[in-house]
Each structure stands twice: as C-alpha cells, then as structure tokens.
Amino acid sequence: MAEVAFHEPLTGHKEFDDLIARFAEETDAAKAEEIRFFTDNLNVLLKRLSPDASEEKRAAVEEYFWLIEEYKVSVFAQELKTPVRVSKKRLEGKLKEIERII
C-alpha cells in the first residue's frame, strides 16, 4: 500500500495568516460600507422627520430602523439567523416607500 503524504497545514505561516486577516478586514469593510448607505439614509430621514409627521410615516421609519438592525445581523452574523428576512432590495424598497409617505 502506498504511503500518503500529508502537507503541513497552512495556518501558522505568517504570510498566510496576514493574507487571511487582510481579506477579513477588506470583507468586513465592504459589508460595513453597504450598511452605512442604509444608516446614512436613516439619519437623513430622522433629521427631516417633522414633529407633525403622520403616525404612518413615524411607524415606517421605525420599521426601517429595525430592518437595518436585522440586516446587520444577516450580514455579519449569518449563523444567528434573523426572524425577518431582510435583503438590500427590501431595504431599498422600504426607503422608497417612506419617501412616498406624506
């Protein structure tokens, strides 16, 4: 029977570890930037929200906030699962919906 040669594991090598760390940082930065788009829009909505805004609009903005929070979990901690399915498309749709409400 032929002897099987096992290769040395890649972890523990500085170059490989640095590459993985850099990839993780870049990936997290890209995810954070995607989320920042929605949080920036939320901040604009909140600044523009008049004290006379309808209850419907206030409720929609609050729902948008919670959708963003669920989206953060789905992007950064997928293994936790979220009770509500949230996607970039759904957040964009909710934002458009809010902008149409008087």
C-alpha atoms as a PDB file:
ATOM      1  CA  MET A   1       0.000   0.000   0.000  1.00  0.00           C
ATOM      2  CA  ALA A   2       1.334   3.434  -0.927  1.00  0.00           C
ATOM      3  CA  GLU A   3       2.112   5.846   1.846  1.00  0.00           C
ATOM      4  CA  VAL A   4       0.036   9.036   1.840  1.00  0.00           C
ATOM      5  CA  ALA A   5       1.982  12.241   2.339  1.00  0.00           C
ATOM      6  CA  PHE A   6       0.259  14.928   4.327  1.00  0.00           C
ATOM      7  CA  HIS A   7       1.200  18.512   3.735  1.00  0.00           C
ATOM      8  CA  GLU A   8       1.946  20.915   6.507  1.00  0.00           C
ATOM      9  CA  PRO A   9      -1.147  22.961   7.417  1.00  0.00           C
ATOM     10  CA  LEU A  10      -1.215  26.486   6.044  1.00  0.00           C
ATOM     11  CA  THR A  11      -2.237  28.126   9.282  1.00  0.00           C
ATOM     12  CA  GLY A  12       0.618  29.275  11.426  1.00  0.00           C
ATOM     13  CA  HIS A  13       2.509  30.706   8.477  1.00  0.00           C
ATOM     14  CA  LYS A  14       2.833  34.448   8.844  1.00  0.00           C
ATOM     15  CA  GLU A  15       2.247  35.241   5.156  1.00  0.00           C
ATOM     16  CA  PHE A  16      -0.892  33.110   5.006  1.00  0.00           C
ATOM     17  CA  ASP A  17      -2.211  34.440   8.314  1.00  0.00           C
ATOM     18  CA  ASP A  18      -1.596  38.026   7.150  1.00  0.00           C
ATOM     19  CA  LEU A  19      -3.405  37.334   3.880  1.00  0.00           C
ATOM     20  CA  ILE A  20      -6.425  35.894   5.700  1.00  0.00           C
ATOM     21  CA  ALA A  21      -6.501  38.823   8.141  1.00  0.00           C
ATOM     22  CA  ARG A  22      -6.310  41.356   5.304  1.00  0.00           C
ATOM     23  CA  PHE A  23      -9.093  39.555   3.417  1.00  0.00           C
ATOM     24  CA  ALA A  24     -11.301  39.555   6.532  1.00  0.00           C
ATOM     25  CA  GLU A  25     -10.690  43.277   7.111  1.00  0.00           C
ATOM     26  CA  GLU A  26     -11.479  44.140   3.481  1.00  0.00           C
ATOM     27  CA  THR A  27     -14.597  41.962   3.515  1.00  0.00           C
ATOM     28  CA  ASP A  28     -15.825  43.495   6.774  1.00  0.00           C
ATOM     29  CA  ALA A  29     -15.094  46.981   5.443  1.00  0.00           C
ATOM     30  CA  ALA A  30     -17.139  46.298   2.306  1.00  0.00           C
ATOM     31  CA  LYS A  31     -20.026  44.954   4.397  1.00  0.00           C
ATOM     32  CA  ALA A  32     -19.862  47.955   6.715  1.00  0.00           C
ATOM     33  CA  GLU A  33     -19.908  50.315   3.740  1.00  0.00           C
ATOM     34  CA  GLU A  34     -23.012  48.595   2.374  1.00  0.00           C
ATOM     35  CA  ILE A  35     -24.757  49.004   5.729  1.00  0.00           C
ATOM     36  CA  ARG A  36     -23.556  52.607   6.038  1.00  0.00           C
ATOM     37  CA  PHE A  37     -25.626  53.501   2.946  1.00  0.00           C
ATOM     38  CA  PHE A  38     -28.789  52.482   4.799  1.00  0.00           C
ATOM     39  CA  THR A  39     -27.835  54.020   8.150  1.00  0.00           C
ATOM     40  CA  ASP A  40     -26.925  57.294   6.428  1.00  0.00           C
ATOM     41  CA  ASN A  41     -30.356  57.315   4.791  1.00  0.00           C
ATOM     42  CA  LEU A  42     -31.962  56.595   8.146  1.00  0.00           C
ATOM     43  CA  ASN A  43     -30.149  59.576   9.670  1.00  0.00           C
ATOM     44  CA  VAL A  44     -31.417  61.807   6.851  1.00  0.00           C
ATOM     45  CA  LEU A  45     -34.967  60.535   7.389  1.00  0.00           C
ATOM     46  CA  LEU A  46     -34.738  61.230  11.116  1.00  0.00           C
ATOM     47  CA  LYS A  47     -33.390  64.763  10.579  1.00  0.00           C
ATOM     48  CA  ARG A  48     -36.190  65.520   8.115  1.00  0.00           C
ATOM     49  CA  LEU A  49     -38.910  63.929  10.225  1.00  0.00           C
ATOM     50  CA  SER A  50     -41.164  66.764  11.270  1.00  0.00           C
ATOM     51  CA  PRO A  51     -42.946  66.790  14.630  1.00  0.00           C
ATOM     52  CA  ASP A  52     -46.114  66.924  12.514  1.00  0.00           C
ATOM     53  CA  ALA A  53     -45.214  63.779  10.550  1.00  0.00           C
ATOM     54  CA  SER A  54     -48.016  61.258  10.247  1.00  0.00           C
ATOM     55  CA  GLU A  55     -48.121  58.251  12.533  1.00  0.00           C
ATOM     56  CA  GLU A  56     -47.807  56.109   9.394  1.00  0.00           C
ATOM     57  CA  LYS A  57     -44.516  57.765   8.460  1.00  0.00           C
ATOM     58  CA  ARG A  58     -43.154  57.522  12.001  1.00  0.00           C
ATOM     59  CA  ALA A  59     -44.014  53.810  12.101  1.00  0.00           C
ATOM     60  CA  ALA A  60     -42.406  53.261   8.683  1.00  0.00           C
ATOM     61  CA  VAL A  61     -39.179  54.980   9.788  1.00  0.00           C
ATOM     62  CA  GLU A  62     -39.084  52.872  12.953  1.00  0.00           C
ATOM     63  CA  GLU A  63     -39.638  49.710  10.897  1.00  0.00           C
ATOM     64  CA  TYR A  64     -36.807  50.799   8.586  1.00  0.00           C
ATOM     65  CA  PHE A  65     -34.546  51.145  11.645  1.00  0.00           C
ATOM     66  CA  TRP A  66     -35.348  47.590  12.782  1.00  0.00           C
ATOM     67  CA  LEU A  67     -34.905  46.202   9.278  1.00  0.00           C
ATOM     68  CA  ILE A  68     -31.415  47.728   9.223  1.00  0.00           C
ATOM     69  CA  GLU A  69     -30.634  46.074  12.563  1.00  0.00           C
ATOM     70  CA  GLU A  70     -31.803  42.698  11.213  1.00  0.00           C
ATOM     71  CA  TYR A  71     -29.757  43.277   8.064  1.00  0.00           C
ATOM     72  CA  LYS A  72     -26.623  43.899  10.151  1.00  0.00           C
ATOM     73  CA  VAL A  73     -27.111  40.525  11.809  1.00  0.00           C
ATOM     74  CA  SER A  74     -27.702  38.794   8.492  1.00  0.00           C
ATOM     75  CA  VAL A  75     -24.554  40.359   7.016  1.00  0.00           C
ATOM     76  CA  PHE A  76     -22.127  39.984   9.935  1.00  0.00           C
ATOM     77  CA  ALA A  77     -23.503  37.025  11.876  1.00  0.00           C
ATOM     78  CA  GLN A  78     -25.376  34.823   9.429  1.00  0.00           C
ATOM     79  CA  GLU A  79     -25.171  31.853  11.775  1.00  0.00           C
ATOM     80  CA  LEU A  80     -27.501  33.648  14.215  1.00  0.00           C
ATOM     81  CA  LYS A  81     -30.306  33.779  11.655  1.00  0.00           C
ATOM     82  CA  THR A  82     -32.868  36.544  11.802  1.00  0.00           C
ATOM     83  CA  PRO A  83     -36.587  36.208  12.455  1.00  0.00           C
ATOM     84  CA  VAL A  84     -37.295  38.501   9.494  1.00  0.00           C
ATOM     85  CA  ARG A  85     -35.678  38.001   6.105  1.00  0.00           C
ATOM     86  CA  VAL A  86     -34.016  41.228   5.074  1.00  0.00           C
ATOM     87  CA  SER A  87     -32.172  41.983   1.871  1.00  0.00           C
ATOM     88  CA  LYS A  88     -30.611  45.022   0.286  1.00  0.00           C
ATOM     89  CA  LYS A  89     -33.537  45.093  -2.146  1.00  0.00           C
ATOM     90  CA  ARG A  90     -36.088  45.050   0.684  1.00  0.00           C
ATOM     91  CA  LEU A  91     -34.330  47.935   2.456  1.00  0.00           C
ATOM     92  CA  GLU A  92     -34.225  49.949  -0.757  1.00  0.00           C
ATOM     93  CA  GLY A  93     -37.942  49.306  -1.269  1.00  0.00           C
ATOM     94  CA  LYS A  94     -38.767  50.369   2.283  1.00  0.00           C
ATOM     95  CA  LEU A  95     -36.786  53.576   1.811  1.00  0.00           C
ATOM     96  CA  LYS A  96     -38.758  54.396  -1.357  1.00  0.00           C
ATOM     97  CA  GLU A  97     -41.999  53.617   0.460  1.00  0.00           C
ATOM     98  CA  ILE A  98     -41.102  56.035   3.278  1.00  0.00           C
ATOM     99  CA  GLU A  99     -40.199  58.780   0.825  1.00  0.00           C
ATOM    100  CA  ARG A 100     -43.691  58.490  -0.745  1.00  0.00           C
ATOM    101  CA  ILE A 101     -45.491  58.838   2.596  1.00  0.00           C
ATOM    102  CA  ILE A 102     -46.548  62.392   3.408  1.00  0.00           C
END
